[in-house]
Amino acid sequence: MGFSTLSIACGSGWWEIKSLFEHPVDKLYLLDKNPEVLNWPDVQEAIAYFVKAYQKPFPAKIELFIQEAKNISLPNHSVQEIWLFNSLHEIQEKEICLKECYRLLEPGGIIFIEEELSLTERRHHEGCYLPLFFLDELTQLMKASGFQFLSSEQKDDKAFYVRYSKP
């Protein structure tokens, strides 16, 4: 089967496709509820751009899911990694999404979250104006869904990389 990654609320998949050239996987599942953003022409454009930029062939198979992050038609334990790039704060039914992540992730699998976080006072995302998590809030939410905190590191002055695992 190989190594599979699911990216939830991925938009056009631009960052995910770029990431594959640096960290290849065998299969990438892209999920977003908006077909105007996630569609084959835009995905193929991103692939062509990065094939040219990196001067090497595209390293994975891709499957698109145009839907909410619930009842995803993949088997239990079918992915080794799940990515949430600057998107968890925008997902309305976070607990349902994370329950689905738990179902899909194999034991020992990783959830990789890239999010802007509130540090000393509550901040709101510049693009959507939704509230941003404090790290302890995010960790409590993930623990309530069965995940274990692994690590966090600051990406820049606003965003963090946070990793959780499924026991």
C-alpha atoms as a PDB file:
ATOM      1  CA  MET A   1       0.000   0.000   0.000  1.00  0.00           C
ATOM      2  CA  GLY A   2       2.834   2.457   0.753  1.00  0.00           C
ATOM      3  CA  PHE A   3       2.816   5.650   2.767  1.00  0.00           C
ATOM      4  CA  SER A   4      -0.416   7.668   2.550  1.00  0.00           C
ATOM      5  CA  THR A   5      -1.128  11.209   3.687  1.00  0.00           C
ATOM      6  CA  LEU A   6      -4.476  12.988   3.976  1.00  0.00           C
ATOM      7  CA  SER A   7      -4.654  16.782   3.975  1.00  0.00           C
ATOM      8  CA  ILE A   8      -7.889  18.205   5.363  1.00  0.00           C
ATOM      9  CA  ALA A   9      -9.321  21.582   4.305  1.00  0.00           C
ATOM     10  CA  CYS A  10      -6.425  21.860   1.884  1.00  0.00           C
ATOM     11  CA  GLY A  11      -7.754  24.525  -0.464  1.00  0.00           C
ATOM     12  CA  SER A  12      -6.126  24.017  -3.854  1.00  0.00           C
ATOM     13  CA  GLY A  13      -3.490  21.664  -2.425  1.00  0.00           C
ATOM     14  CA  TRP A  14      -0.652  24.008  -3.414  1.00  0.00           C
ATOM     15  CA  TRP A  15       1.366  23.642  -0.170  1.00  0.00           C
ATOM     16  CA  GLU A  16       0.724  19.906  -0.007  1.00  0.00           C
ATOM     17  CA  ILE A  17       1.974  19.375  -3.564  1.00  0.00           C
ATOM     18  CA  LYS A  18       5.079  21.462  -2.830  1.00  0.00           C
ATOM     19  CA  SER A  19       5.678  19.442   0.358  1.00  0.00           C
ATOM     20  CA  LEU A  20       5.717  16.188  -1.602  1.00  0.00           C
ATOM     21  CA  PHE A  21       8.843  17.241  -3.452  1.00  0.00           C
ATOM     22  CA  GLU A  22      10.607  17.656  -0.112  1.00  0.00           C
ATOM     23  CA  HIS A  23       8.946  14.775   1.769  1.00  0.00           C
ATOM     24  CA  PRO A  24       7.594  12.248  -0.765  1.00  0.00           C
ATOM     25  CA  VAL A  25       4.694   9.917  -0.035  1.00  0.00           C
ATOM     26  CA  ASP A  26       3.110   7.239  -2.199  1.00  0.00           C
ATOM     27  CA  LYS A  27      -0.460   8.520  -2.025  1.00  0.00           C
ATOM     28  CA  LEU A  28      -1.840  11.962  -1.204  1.00  0.00           C
ATOM     29  CA  TYR A  29      -5.518  12.470  -0.448  1.00  0.00           C
ATOM     30  CA  LEU A  30      -6.638  16.097  -0.739  1.00  0.00           C
ATOM     31  CA  LEU A  31      -9.906  17.034   0.976  1.00  0.00           C
ATOM     32  CA  ASP A  32     -11.749  20.333   0.802  1.00  0.00           C
ATOM     33  CA  LYS A  33     -15.453  21.131   0.767  1.00  0.00           C
ATOM     34  CA  ASN A  34     -15.138  23.797  -1.934  1.00  0.00           C
ATOM     35  CA  PRO A  35     -14.901  22.516  -5.542  1.00  0.00           C
ATOM     36  CA  GLU A  36     -14.091  26.016  -6.752  1.00  0.00           C
ATOM     37  CA  VAL A  37     -10.836  25.775  -4.811  1.00  0.00           C
ATOM     38  CA  LEU A  38     -10.005  22.058  -4.979  1.00  0.00           C
ATOM     39  CA  ASN A  39     -10.292  20.759  -8.537  1.00  0.00           C
ATOM     40  CA  TRP A  40      -8.184  18.833 -11.028  1.00  0.00           C
ATOM     41  CA  PRO A  41      -7.194  21.780 -13.261  1.00  0.00           C
ATOM     42  CA  ASP A  42      -5.759  23.697 -10.288  1.00  0.00           C
ATOM     43  CA  VAL A  43      -4.067  20.592  -8.865  1.00  0.00           C
ATOM     44  CA  GLN A  44      -2.508  19.802 -12.243  1.00  0.00           C
ATOM     45  CA  GLU A  45      -1.318  23.408 -12.555  1.00  0.00           C
ATOM     46  CA  ALA A  46       0.386  23.160  -9.148  1.00  0.00           C
ATOM     47  CA  ILE A  47       1.989  19.835 -10.073  1.00  0.00           C
ATOM     48  CA  ALA A  48       3.315  21.279 -13.350  1.00  0.00           C
ATOM     49  CA  TYR A  49       4.683  24.325 -11.531  1.00  0.00           C
ATOM     50  CA  PHE A  50       6.596  22.264  -8.955  1.00  0.00           C
ATOM     51  CA  VAL A  51       7.789  19.659 -11.474  1.00  0.00           C
ATOM     52  CA  LYS A  52       9.397  22.550 -13.352  1.00  0.00           C
ATOM     53  CA  ALA A  53      10.696  24.247 -10.184  1.00  0.00           C
ATOM     54  CA  TYR A  54      12.229  21.075  -8.706  1.00  0.00           C
ATOM     55  CA  GLN A  55      13.221  19.566 -12.081  1.00  0.00           C
ATOM     56  CA  LYS A  56      11.988  16.099 -11.118  1.00  0.00           C
ATOM     57  CA  PRO A  57       8.852  14.023 -11.682  1.00  0.00           C
ATOM     58  CA  PHE A  58       5.864  14.243  -9.392  1.00  0.00           C
ATOM     59  CA  PRO A  59       6.396  11.653  -6.638  1.00  0.00           C
ATOM     60  CA  ALA A  60       2.841  10.544  -5.673  1.00  0.00           C
ATOM     61  CA  LYS A  61      -0.631   9.538  -6.708  1.00  0.00           C
ATOM     62  CA  ILE A  62      -3.376  11.988  -5.735  1.00  0.00           C
ATOM     63  CA  GLU A  63      -7.050  11.489  -4.997  1.00  0.00           C
ATOM     64  CA  LEU A  64      -9.450  14.405  -4.438  1.00  0.00           C
ATOM     65  CA  PHE A  65     -12.326  14.448  -1.946  1.00  0.00           C
ATOM     66  CA  ILE A  66     -14.744  17.349  -2.336  1.00  0.00           C
ATOM     67  CA  GLN A  67     -16.581  17.161   0.982  1.00  0.00           C
ATOM     68  CA  GLU A  68     -16.669  18.085   4.645  1.00  0.00           C
ATOM     69  CA  ALA A  69     -14.167  16.363   6.925  1.00  0.00           C
ATOM     70  CA  LYS A  70     -16.597  13.669   8.056  1.00  0.00           C
ATOM     71  CA  ASN A  71     -17.583  10.244   6.737  1.00  0.00           C
ATOM     72  CA  ILE A  72     -14.591  10.168   4.407  1.00  0.00           C
ATOM     73  CA  SER A  73     -14.759   7.158   2.124  1.00  0.00           C
ATOM     74  CA  LEU A  74     -11.410   5.684   3.123  1.00  0.00           C
ATOM     75  CA  PRO A  75     -10.941   2.515   5.180  1.00  0.00           C
ATOM     76  CA  ASN A  76     -10.076   2.571   8.876  1.00  0.00           C
ATOM     77  CA  HIS A  77      -6.351   3.002   9.590  1.00  0.00           C
ATOM     78  CA  SER A  78      -5.633   3.807   5.926  1.00  0.00           C
ATOM     79  CA  VAL A  79      -3.289   6.785   6.340  1.00  0.00           C
ATOM     80  CA  GLN A  80      -0.041   7.233   8.211  1.00  0.00           C
ATOM     81  CA  GLU A  81      -0.144  11.014   8.369  1.00  0.00           C
ATOM     82  CA  ILE A  82      -2.795  13.739   8.385  1.00  0.00           C
ATOM     83  CA  TRP A  83      -2.032  17.366   7.620  1.00  0.00           C
ATOM     84  CA  LEU A  84      -4.030  20.386   8.744  1.00  0.00           C
ATOM     85  CA  PHE A  85      -2.301  23.424   7.246  1.00  0.00           C
ATOM     86  CA  ASN A  86      -3.758  26.640   8.691  1.00  0.00           C
ATOM     87  CA  SER A  87      -7.231  25.117   8.646  1.00  0.00           C
ATOM     88  CA  LEU A  88      -8.294  23.596  11.978  1.00  0.00           C
ATOM     89  CA  HIS A  89      -9.500  26.944  13.319  1.00  0.00           C
ATOM     90  CA  GLU A  90     -11.871  27.176  10.297  1.00  0.00           C
ATOM     91  CA  ILE A  91     -13.460  23.727  10.659  1.00  0.00           C
ATOM     92  CA  GLN A  92     -16.880  24.161  12.241  1.00  0.00           C
ATOM     93  CA  GLU A  93     -17.340  20.633  13.598  1.00  0.00           C
ATOM     94  CA  LYS A  94     -13.842  20.112  14.976  1.00  0.00           C
ATOM     95  CA  GLU A  95     -14.744  17.156  17.215  1.00  0.00           C
ATOM     96  CA  ILE A  96     -16.390  15.278  14.315  1.00  0.00           C
ATOM     97  CA  CYS A  97     -13.408  16.004  12.080  1.00  0.00           C
ATOM     98  CA  LEU A  98     -10.959  14.779  14.713  1.00  0.00           C
ATOM     99  CA  LYS A  99     -13.021  11.638  15.343  1.00  0.00           C
ATOM    100  CA  GLU A 100     -12.753  10.919  11.616  1.00  0.00           C
ATOM    101  CA  CYS A 101      -9.005  11.605  11.746  1.00  0.00           C
ATOM    102  CA  TYR A 102      -8.684   9.100  14.586  1.00  0.00           C
ATOM    103  CA  ARG A 103     -10.570   6.476  12.563  1.00  0.00           C
ATOM    104  CA  LEU A 104      -8.463   6.994   9.450  1.00  0.00           C
ATOM    105  CA  LEU A 105      -5.041   7.263  11.069  1.00  0.00           C
ATOM    106  CA  GLU A 106      -3.158   4.042  11.705  1.00  0.00           C
ATOM    107  CA  PRO A 107      -1.840   3.420  15.234  1.00  0.00           C
ATOM    108  CA  GLY A 108       1.376   5.377  15.668  1.00  0.00           C
ATOM    109  CA  GLY A 109       0.346   7.756  12.880  1.00  0.00           C
ATOM    110  CA  ILE A 110       0.940  11.497  13.100  1.00  0.00           C
ATOM    111  CA  ILE A 111      -1.292  14.540  12.803  1.00  0.00           C
ATOM    112  CA  PHE A 112       0.776  17.512  11.663  1.00  0.00           C
ATOM    113  CA  ILE A 113      -0.895  20.861  12.358  1.00  0.00           C
ATOM    114  CA  GLU A 114       0.392  24.186  11.112  1.00  0.00           C
ATOM    115  CA  GLU A 115      -1.631  26.949  12.786  1.00  0.00           C
ATOM    116  CA  GLU A 116      -1.307  30.519  13.854  1.00  0.00           C
ATOM    117  CA  LEU A 117      -1.759  30.500  17.622  1.00  0.00           C
ATOM    118  CA  SER A 118      -2.825  32.973  20.250  1.00  0.00           C
ATOM    119  CA  LEU A 119       0.108  33.573  22.558  1.00  0.00           C
ATOM    120  CA  THR A 120      -0.735  35.986  25.389  1.00  0.00           C
ATOM    121  CA  GLU A 121      -4.161  37.221  24.338  1.00  0.00           C
ATOM    122  CA  ARG A 122      -6.870  35.869  22.035  1.00  0.00           C
ATOM    123  CA  ARG A 123      -6.037  36.580  18.411  1.00  0.00           C
ATOM    124  CA  HIS A 124      -8.184  36.223  15.317  1.00  0.00           C
ATOM    125  CA  HIS A 125      -7.051  34.975  11.929  1.00  0.00           C
ATOM    126  CA  GLU A 126      -6.450  37.831   9.507  1.00  0.00           C
ATOM    127  CA  GLY A 127      -8.181  36.119   6.561  1.00  0.00           C
ATOM    128  CA  CYS A 128     -11.369  34.775   8.171  1.00  0.00           C
ATOM    129  CA  TYR A 129     -11.370  36.592  11.517  1.00  0.00           C
ATOM    130  CA  LEU A 130     -12.102  33.361  13.386  1.00  0.00           C
ATOM    131  CA  PRO A 131     -10.526  32.949  16.840  1.00  0.00           C
ATOM    132  CA  LEU A 132      -7.180  31.213  17.023  1.00  0.00           C
ATOM    133  CA  PHE A 133      -6.263  28.529  19.566  1.00  0.00           C
ATOM    134  CA  PHE A 134      -3.905  28.856  22.454  1.00  0.00           C
ATOM    135  CA  LEU A 135      -1.524  25.873  22.390  1.00  0.00           C
ATOM    136  CA  ASP A 136      -3.031  24.400  25.566  1.00  0.00           C
ATOM    137  CA  GLU A 137      -6.558  24.652  24.066  1.00  0.00           C
ATOM    138  CA  LEU A 138      -5.413  22.873  20.929  1.00  0.00           C
ATOM    139  CA  THR A 139      -3.728  20.154  22.981  1.00  0.00           C
ATOM    140  CA  GLN A 140      -6.837  19.686  25.157  1.00  0.00           C
ATOM    141  CA  LEU A 141      -8.983  19.335  22.031  1.00  0.00           C
ATOM    142  CA  MET A 142      -6.587  16.789  20.545  1.00  0.00           C
ATOM    143  CA  LYS A 143      -6.309  14.810  23.809  1.00  0.00           C
ATOM    144  CA  ALA A 144     -10.118  14.716  24.078  1.00  0.00           C
ATOM    145  CA  SER A 145     -10.083  13.086  20.627  1.00  0.00           C
ATOM    146  CA  GLY A 146      -7.566  10.449  21.739  1.00  0.00           C
ATOM    147  CA  PHE A 147      -4.325  11.943  20.428  1.00  0.00           C
ATOM    148  CA  GLN A 148      -1.060  12.400  22.295  1.00  0.00           C
ATOM    149  CA  PHE A 149       1.018  15.561  22.123  1.00  0.00           C
ATOM    150  CA  LEU A 150       4.423  14.997  20.518  1.00  0.00           C
ATOM    151  CA  SER A 151       5.998  18.385  19.860  1.00  0.00           C
ATOM    152  CA  SER A 152       5.580  22.002  18.892  1.00  0.00           C
ATOM    153  CA  GLU A 153       7.939  24.443  17.291  1.00  0.00           C
ATOM    154  CA  GLN A 154       7.510  28.019  16.261  1.00  0.00           C
ATOM    155  CA  LYS A 155       7.449  28.457  12.471  1.00  0.00           C
ATOM    156  CA  ASP A 156       7.501  32.259  12.450  1.00  0.00           C
ATOM    157  CA  ASP A 157       6.184  35.160  14.545  1.00  0.00           C
ATOM    158  CA  LYS A 158       2.583  33.880  14.256  1.00  0.00           C
ATOM    159  CA  ALA A 159       2.456  30.211  13.314  1.00  0.00           C
ATOM    160  CA  PHE A 160       3.527  26.975  14.941  1.00  0.00           C
ATOM    161  CA  TYR A 161       4.058  23.392  13.835  1.00  0.00           C
ATOM    162  CA  VAL A 162       2.362  21.048  16.293  1.00  0.00           C
ATOM    163  CA  ARG A 163       2.479  17.253  16.096  1.00  0.00           C
ATOM    164  CA  TYR A 164       0.212  14.700  17.740  1.00  0.00           C
ATOM    165  CA  SER A 165       0.153  10.934  17.473  1.00  0.00           C
ATOM    166  CA  LYS A 166      -2.473   8.227  17.634  1.00  0.00           C
ATOM    167  CA  PRO A 167      -1.426   5.706  20.291  1.00  0.00           C
END
